[in-house]
Amino acid sequence: MTTVDAGGRARRIVEKAPVLTELTFDDATVFPFELWLRGEHLRMDGSAVVVRLAQGTSTTDGCSELTFASTDVRWL
């Protein structure tokens, strides 16, 4: 899956087992759609939210902390 952070950087995450989300999607999935990821809120950074991905998960470029616009975050 690929997500875009608050800085506009595309972040690719490859899950071998469902850790961040229980949703199933494939090549026939219609994008864009709302995707809920498991993570831990670390801090607010102005109008952005810094989140650490759950269970030591990281993006393909090694990033485990992502910054999202606060308007893109749904609090549970």
PDB file of N, CA and C in Angstrom:
ATOM      1  N   MET A   1       0.848  -1.160   0.000  1.00  0.00           N
ATOM      2  CA  MET A   1       0.000   0.000   0.000  1.00  0.00           C
ATOM      3  C   MET A   1       0.897   1.226   0.000  1.00  0.00           C
ATOM      4  N   THR A   2       0.415   2.290  -0.541  1.00  0.00           N
ATOM      5  CA  THR A   2       1.156   3.548  -0.579  1.00  0.00           C
ATOM      6  C   THR A   2       0.296   4.639   0.041  1.00  0.00           C
ATOM      7  N   THR A   3       0.911   5.448   0.889  1.00  0.00           N
ATOM      8  CA  THR A   3       0.233   6.580   1.495  1.00  0.00           C
ATOM      9  C   THR A   3       1.088   7.815   1.249  1.00  0.00           C
ATOM     10  N   VAL A   4       0.500   8.974   1.355  1.00  0.00           N
ATOM     11  CA  VAL A   4       1.226  10.219   1.152  1.00  0.00           C
ATOM     12  C   VAL A   4       1.240  10.967   2.475  1.00  0.00           C
ATOM     13  N   ASP A   5       2.432  11.383   2.921  1.00  0.00           N
ATOM     14  CA  ASP A   5       2.528  12.081   4.198  1.00  0.00           C
ATOM     15  C   ASP A   5       2.261  13.571   4.024  1.00  0.00           C
ATOM     16  N   ALA A   6       2.324  14.298   5.132  1.00  0.00           N
ATOM     17  CA  ALA A   6       2.001  15.727   5.116  1.00  0.00           C
ATOM     18  C   ALA A   6       2.950  16.532   4.237  1.00  0.00           C
ATOM     19  N   GLY A   7       4.154  16.021   4.018  1.00  0.00           N
ATOM     20  CA  GLY A   7       5.122  16.698   3.166  1.00  0.00           C
ATOM     21  C   GLY A   7       4.973  16.361   1.695  1.00  0.00           C
ATOM     22  N   GLY A   8       3.956  15.541   1.366  1.00  0.00           N
ATOM     23  CA  GLY A   8       3.723  15.166  -0.018  1.00  0.00           C
ATOM     24  C   GLY A   8       4.564  14.000  -0.500  1.00  0.00           C
ATOM     25  N   ARG A   9       5.303  13.341   0.408  1.00  0.00           N
ATOM     26  CA  ARG A   9       6.137  12.203   0.034  1.00  0.00           C
ATOM     27  C   ARG A   9       5.312  10.920   0.023  1.00  0.00           C
ATOM     28  N   ALA A  10       5.422  10.159  -1.046  1.00  0.00           N
ATOM     29  CA  ALA A  10       4.756   8.860  -1.122  1.00  0.00           C
ATOM     30  C   ALA A  10       5.533   7.882  -0.254  1.00  0.00           C
ATOM     31  N   ARG A  11       4.830   7.161   0.610  1.00  0.00           N
ATOM     32  CA  ARG A  11       5.436   6.168   1.496  1.00  0.00           C
ATOM     33  C   ARG A  11       4.816   4.823   1.200  1.00  0.00           C
ATOM     34  N   ARG A  12       5.636   3.859   0.809  1.00  0.00           N
ATOM     35  CA  ARG A  12       5.155   2.523   0.444  1.00  0.00           C
ATOM     36  C   ARG A  12       5.360   1.568   1.613  1.00  0.00           C
ATOM     37  N   ILE A  13       4.312   0.821   1.937  1.00  0.00           N
ATOM     38  CA  ILE A  13       4.349  -0.157   3.022  1.00  0.00           C
ATOM     39  C   ILE A  13       3.940  -1.500   2.440  1.00  0.00           C
ATOM     40  N   VAL A  14       4.745  -2.529   2.699  1.00  0.00           N
ATOM     41  CA  VAL A  14       4.419  -3.877   2.247  1.00  0.00           C
ATOM     42  C   VAL A  14       4.170  -4.722   3.486  1.00  0.00           C
ATOM     43  N   GLU A  15       2.946  -5.204   3.624  1.00  0.00           N
ATOM     44  CA  GLU A  15       2.597  -6.059   4.758  1.00  0.00           C
ATOM     45  C   GLU A  15       2.596  -7.511   4.325  1.00  0.00           C
ATOM     46  N   LYS A  16       3.354  -8.325   5.029  1.00  0.00           N
ATOM     47  CA  LYS A  16       3.360  -9.758   4.735  1.00  0.00           C
ATOM     48  C   LYS A  16       2.270 -10.465   5.528  1.00  0.00           C
ATOM     49  N   ALA A  17       1.865  -9.852   6.619  1.00  0.00           N
ATOM     50  CA  ALA A  17       0.741 -10.317   7.441  1.00  0.00           C
ATOM     51  C   ALA A  17      -0.038  -9.077   7.843  1.00  0.00           C
ATOM     52  N   PRO A  18      -1.342  -9.169   8.062  1.00  0.00           N
ATOM     53  CA  PRO A  18      -2.144  -7.992   8.407  1.00  0.00           C
ATOM     54  C   PRO A  18      -1.820  -7.436   9.791  1.00  0.00           C
ATOM     55  N   VAL A  19      -0.968  -6.422   9.826  1.00  0.00           N
ATOM     56  CA  VAL A  19      -0.554  -5.794  11.078  1.00  0.00           C
ATOM     57  C   VAL A  19      -1.173  -4.412  11.204  1.00  0.00           C
ATOM     58  N   LEU A  20      -1.123  -3.613  10.147  1.00  0.00           N
ATOM     59  CA  LEU A  20      -1.590  -2.235  10.194  1.00  0.00           C
ATOM     60  C   LEU A  20      -3.076  -2.108   9.894  1.00  0.00           C
ATOM     61  N   THR A  21      -3.601  -2.993   9.083  1.00  0.00           N
ATOM     62  CA  THR A  21      -5.023  -2.951   8.730  1.00  0.00           C
ATOM     63  C   THR A  21      -5.519  -4.350   8.444  1.00  0.00           C
ATOM     64  N   GLU A  22      -6.810  -4.573   8.660  1.00  0.00           N
ATOM     65  CA  GLU A  22      -7.412  -5.870   8.355  1.00  0.00           C
ATOM     66  C   GLU A  22      -8.130  -5.849   7.014  1.00  0.00           C
ATOM     67  N   LEU A  23      -8.093  -4.706   6.320  1.00  0.00           N
ATOM     68  CA  LEU A  23      -8.741  -4.593   5.017  1.00  0.00           C
ATOM     69  C   LEU A  23      -8.025  -5.436   3.977  1.00  0.00           C
ATOM     70  N   THR A  24      -8.787  -5.979   3.071  1.00  0.00           N
ATOM     71  CA  THR A  24      -8.219  -6.734   1.960  1.00  0.00           C
ATOM     72  C   THR A  24      -8.497  -5.962   0.681  1.00  0.00           C
ATOM     73  N   PHE A  25      -7.473  -5.741  -0.110  1.00  0.00           N
ATOM     74  CA  PHE A  25      -7.653  -5.093  -1.399  1.00  0.00           C
ATOM     75  C   PHE A  25      -6.663  -5.672  -2.390  1.00  0.00           C
ATOM     76  N   ASP A  26      -7.014  -5.586  -3.666  1.00  0.00           N
ATOM     77  CA  ASP A  26      -6.177  -6.155  -4.713  1.00  0.00           C
ATOM     78  C   ASP A  26      -6.169  -5.235  -5.921  1.00  0.00           C
ATOM     79  N   ASP A  27      -5.754  -5.746  -7.070  1.00  0.00           N
ATOM     80  CA  ASP A  27      -5.651  -4.935  -8.282  1.00  0.00           C
ATOM     81  C   ASP A  27      -6.992  -4.378  -8.743  1.00  0.00           C
ATOM     82  N   ALA A  28      -8.108  -4.987  -8.324  1.00  0.00           N
ATOM     83  CA  ALA A  28      -9.429  -4.530  -8.736  1.00  0.00           C
ATOM     84  C   ALA A  28      -9.999  -3.462  -7.797  1.00  0.00           C
ATOM     85  N   THR A  29      -9.303  -3.155  -6.708  1.00  0.00           N
ATOM     86  CA  THR A  29      -9.779  -2.171  -5.746  1.00  0.00           C
ATOM     87  C   THR A  29      -9.794  -0.783  -6.382  1.00  0.00           C
ATOM     88  N   VAL A  30     -10.885  -0.062  -6.170  1.00  0.00           N
ATOM     89  CA  VAL A  30     -11.027   1.286  -6.711  1.00  0.00           C
ATOM     90  C   VAL A  30     -10.397   2.277  -5.732  1.00  0.00           C
ATOM     91  N   PHE A  31      -9.459   3.056  -6.218  1.00  0.00           N
ATOM     92  CA  PHE A  31      -8.773   4.058  -5.401  1.00  0.00           C
ATOM     93  C   PHE A  31      -9.224   5.445  -5.809  1.00  0.00           C
ATOM     94  N   PRO A  32      -9.135   6.457  -4.986  1.00  0.00           N
ATOM     95  CA  PRO A  32      -8.696   6.384  -3.588  1.00  0.00           C
ATOM     96  C   PRO A  32      -9.829   5.925  -2.679  1.00  0.00           C
ATOM     97  N   PHE A  33      -9.463   5.396  -1.516  1.00  0.00           N
ATOM     98  CA  PHE A  33     -10.435   5.049  -0.492  1.00  0.00           C
ATOM     99  C   PHE A  33      -9.792   5.301   0.870  1.00  0.00           C
ATOM    100  N   GLU A  34     -10.639   5.457   1.875  1.00  0.00           N
ATOM    101  CA  GLU A  34     -10.125   5.714   3.217  1.00  0.00           C
ATOM    102  C   GLU A  34      -9.510   4.443   3.771  1.00  0.00           C
ATOM    103  N   LEU A  35      -8.303   4.553   4.289  1.00  0.00           N
ATOM    104  CA  LEU A  35      -7.567   3.408   4.819  1.00  0.00           C
ATOM    105  C   LEU A  35      -7.167   3.715   6.251  1.00  0.00           C
ATOM    106  N   TRP A  36      -7.512   2.844   7.149  1.00  0.00           N
ATOM    107  CA  TRP A  36      -7.163   3.014   8.565  1.00  0.00           C
ATOM    108  C   TRP A  36      -5.919   2.198   8.851  1.00  0.00           C
ATOM    109  N   LEU A  37      -4.893   2.846   9.402  1.00  0.00           N
ATOM    110  CA  LEU A  37      -3.646   2.179   9.772  1.00  0.00           C
ATOM    111  C   LEU A  37      -3.489   2.200  11.286  1.00  0.00           C
ATOM    112  N   ARG A  38      -2.965   1.115  11.847  1.00  0.00           N
ATOM    113  CA  ARG A  38      -2.688   1.089  13.279  1.00  0.00           C
ATOM    114  C   ARG A  38      -1.360   1.791  13.531  1.00  0.00           C
ATOM    115  N   GLY A  39      -1.374   2.645  14.524  1.00  0.00           N
ATOM    116  CA  GLY A  39      -0.151   3.355  14.874  1.00  0.00           C
ATOM    117  C   GLY A  39      -0.312   4.038  16.212  1.00  0.00           C
ATOM    118  N   GLU A  40       0.775   4.626  16.671  1.00  0.00           N
ATOM    119  CA  GLU A  40       0.801   5.325  17.950  1.00  0.00           C
ATOM    120  C   GLU A  40       1.035   6.814  17.715  1.00  0.00           C
ATOM    121  N   HIS A  41       0.179   7.635  18.290  1.00  0.00           N
ATOM    122  CA  HIS A  41       0.354   9.088  18.202  1.00  0.00           C
ATOM    123  C   HIS A  41       1.590   9.468  19.008  1.00  0.00           C
ATOM    124  N   LEU A  42       2.542  10.140  18.366  1.00  0.00           N
ATOM    125  CA  LEU A  42       3.750  10.576  19.066  1.00  0.00           C
ATOM    126  C   LEU A  42       3.646  12.029  19.497  1.00  0.00           C
ATOM    127  N   ARG A  43       3.209  12.885  18.561  1.00  0.00           N
ATOM    128  CA  ARG A  43       3.128  14.311  18.896  1.00  0.00           C
ATOM    129  C   ARG A  43       2.410  15.065  17.786  1.00  0.00           C
ATOM    130  N   MET A  44       1.971  16.256  18.156  1.00  0.00           N
ATOM    131  CA  MET A  44       1.443  17.203  17.178  1.00  0.00           C
ATOM    132  C   MET A  44       2.619  18.059  16.717  1.00  0.00           C
ATOM    133  N   ASP A  45       2.623  18.406  15.456  1.00  0.00           N
ATOM    134  CA  ASP A  45       3.666  19.256  14.888  1.00  0.00           C
ATOM    135  C   ASP A  45       2.958  20.325  14.065  1.00  0.00           C
ATOM    136  N   GLY A  46       2.524  21.393  14.745  1.00  0.00           N
ATOM    137  CA  GLY A  46       1.709  22.408  14.075  1.00  0.00           C
ATOM    138  C   GLY A  46       0.360  21.810  13.738  1.00  0.00           C
ATOM    139  N   SER A  47       0.010  21.803  12.458  1.00  0.00           N
ATOM    140  CA  SER A  47      -1.269  21.228  12.042  1.00  0.00           C
ATOM    141  C   SER A  47      -1.104  19.791  11.547  1.00  0.00           C
ATOM    142  N   ALA A  48       0.011  19.177  11.885  1.00  0.00           N
ATOM    143  CA  ALA A  48       0.282  17.803  11.467  1.00  0.00           C
ATOM    144  C   ALA A  48       0.387  16.884  12.691  1.00  0.00           C
ATOM    145  N   VAL A  49       0.219  15.589  12.446  1.00  0.00           N
ATOM    146  CA  VAL A  49       0.293  14.570  13.488  1.00  0.00           C
ATOM    147  C   VAL A  49       1.409  13.602  13.131  1.00  0.00           C
ATOM    148  N   VAL A  50       2.325  13.372  14.070  1.00  0.00           N
ATOM    149  CA  VAL A  50       3.411  12.410  13.868  1.00  0.00           C
ATOM    150  C   VAL A  50       2.966  11.083  14.480  1.00  0.00           C
ATOM    151  N   VAL A  51       3.011  10.011  13.673  1.00  0.00           N
ATOM    152  CA  VAL A  51       2.525   8.699  14.074  1.00  0.00           C
ATOM    153  C   VAL A  51       3.630   7.665  13.868  1.00  0.00           C
ATOM    154  N   ARG A  52       3.788   6.757  14.835  1.00  0.00           N
ATOM    155  CA  ARG A  52       4.700   5.615  14.670  1.00  0.00           C
ATOM    156  C   ARG A  52       3.846   4.412  14.271  1.00  0.00           C
ATOM    157  N   LEU A  53       4.205   3.744  13.185  1.00  0.00           N
ATOM    158  CA  LEU A  53       3.477   2.577  12.717  1.00  0.00           C
ATOM    159  C   LEU A  53       3.532   1.461  13.757  1.00  0.00           C
ATOM    160  N   ALA A  54       2.483   0.656  13.845  1.00  0.00           N
ATOM    161  CA  ALA A  54       2.360  -0.400  14.851  1.00  0.00           C
ATOM    162  C   ALA A  54       3.372  -1.525  14.643  1.00  0.00           C
ATOM    163  N   GLN A  55       3.730  -2.145  15.746  1.00  0.00           N
ATOM    164  CA  GLN A  55       4.512  -3.377  15.790  1.00  0.00           C
ATOM    165  C   GLN A  55       5.811  -3.339  14.992  1.00  0.00           C
ATOM    166  N   GLY A  56       6.501  -2.217  15.029  1.00  0.00           N
ATOM    167  CA  GLY A  56       7.801  -2.113  14.372  1.00  0.00           C
ATOM    168  C   GLY A  56       7.749  -2.096  12.859  1.00  0.00           C
ATOM    169  N   THR A  57       6.584  -1.886  12.289  1.00  0.00           N
ATOM    170  CA  THR A  57       6.438  -1.828  10.840  1.00  0.00           C
ATOM    171  C   THR A  57       7.097  -0.564  10.309  1.00  0.00           C
ATOM    172  N   SER A  58       7.668  -0.645   9.118  1.00  0.00           N
ATOM    173  CA  SER A  58       8.261   0.536   8.497  1.00  0.00           C
ATOM    174  C   SER A  58       7.960   0.529   7.006  1.00  0.00           C
ATOM    175  N   THR A  59       8.177   1.677   6.388  1.00  0.00           N
ATOM    176  CA  THR A  59       7.991   1.793   4.941  1.00  0.00           C
ATOM    177  C   THR A  59       9.147   1.095   4.239  1.00  0.00           C
ATOM    178  N   THR A  60       9.044   0.942   2.930  1.00  0.00           N
ATOM    179  CA  THR A  60      10.112   0.270   2.185  1.00  0.00           C
ATOM    180  C   THR A  60      11.413   1.052   2.216  1.00  0.00           C
ATOM    181  N   ASP A  61      11.335   2.362   2.542  1.00  0.00           N
ATOM    182  CA  ASP A  61      12.575   3.137   2.665  1.00  0.00           C
ATOM    183  C   ASP A  61      13.024   3.268   4.124  1.00  0.00           C
ATOM    184  N   GLY A  62      12.444   2.445   5.013  1.00  0.00           N
ATOM    185  CA  GLY A  62      12.919   2.361   6.391  1.00  0.00           C
ATOM    186  C   GLY A  62      12.315   3.346   7.376  1.00  0.00           C
ATOM    187  N   CYS A  63      11.262   4.040   7.001  1.00  0.00           N
ATOM    188  CA  CYS A  63      10.649   5.041   7.875  1.00  0.00           C
ATOM    189  C   CYS A  63       9.541   4.397   8.710  1.00  0.00           C
ATOM    190  N   SER A  64       9.631   4.511  10.038  1.00  0.00           N
ATOM    191  CA  SER A  64       8.583   3.954  10.901  1.00  0.00           C
ATOM    192  C   SER A  64       7.709   5.043  11.507  1.00  0.00           C
ATOM    193  N   GLU A  65       8.115   6.299  11.344  1.00  0.00           N
ATOM    194  CA  GLU A  65       7.327   7.434  11.808  1.00  0.00           C
ATOM    195  C   GLU A  65       6.878   8.248  10.603  1.00  0.00           C
ATOM    196  N   LEU A  66       5.564   8.491  10.520  1.00  0.00           N
ATOM    197  CA  LEU A  66       5.008   9.248   9.403  1.00  0.00           C
ATOM    198  C   LEU A  66       4.302  10.477   9.942  1.00  0.00           C
ATOM    199  N   THR A  67       4.325  11.547   9.167  1.00  0.00           N
ATOM    200  CA  THR A  67       3.651  12.785   9.536  1.00  0.00           C
ATOM    201  C   THR A  67       2.495  13.007   8.581  1.00  0.00           C
ATOM    202  N   PHE A  68       1.291  13.125   9.160  1.00  0.00           N
ATOM    203  CA  PHE A  68       0.085  13.313   8.367  1.00  0.00           C
ATOM    204  C   PHE A  68      -0.564  14.639   8.729  1.00  0.00           C
ATOM    205  N   ALA A  69      -1.222  15.266   7.759  1.00  0.00           N
ATOM    206  CA  ALA A  69      -2.031  16.444   8.058  1.00  0.00           C
ATOM    207  C   ALA A  69      -3.103  16.033   9.054  1.00  0.00           C
ATOM    208  N   SER A  70      -3.356  16.858  10.041  1.00  0.00           N
ATOM    209  CA  SER A  70      -4.330  16.497  11.078  1.00  0.00           C
ATOM    210  C   SER A  70      -5.714  16.243  10.491  1.00  0.00           C
ATOM    211  N   THR A  71      -6.020  16.863   9.360  1.00  0.00           N
ATOM    212  CA  THR A  71      -7.315  16.634   8.709  1.00  0.00           C
ATOM    213  C   THR A  71      -7.432  15.250   8.104  1.00  0.00           C
ATOM    214  N   ASP A  72      -6.295  14.544   7.938  1.00  0.00           N
ATOM    215  CA  ASP A  72      -6.294  13.198   7.385  1.00  0.00           C
ATOM    216  C   ASP A  72      -6.310  12.115   8.459  1.00  0.00           C
ATOM    217  N   VAL A  73      -6.298  12.518   9.725  1.00  0.00           N
ATOM    218  CA  VAL A  73      -6.228  11.554  10.835  1.00  0.00           C
ATOM    219  C   VAL A  73      -7.607  11.430  11.480  1.00  0.00           C
ATOM    220  N   ARG A  74      -8.027  10.187  11.701  1.00  0.00           N
ATOM    221  CA  ARG A  74      -9.266   9.893  12.423  1.00  0.00           C
ATOM    222  C   ARG A  74      -8.878   9.269  13.762  1.00  0.00           C
ATOM    223  N   TRP A  75      -9.241   9.920  14.837  1.00  0.00           N
ATOM    224  CA  TRP A  75      -8.869   9.449  16.171  1.00  0.00           C
ATOM    225  C   TRP A  75      -9.858   8.395  16.649  1.00  0.00           C
ATOM    226  N   LEU A  76      -9.347   7.334  17.223  1.00  0.00           N
ATOM    227  CA  LEU A  76     -10.208   6.286  17.788  1.00  0.00           C
ATOM    228  C   LEU A  76     -10.224   6.383  19.296  1.00  0.00           C
TER     229      LEU A  76
END
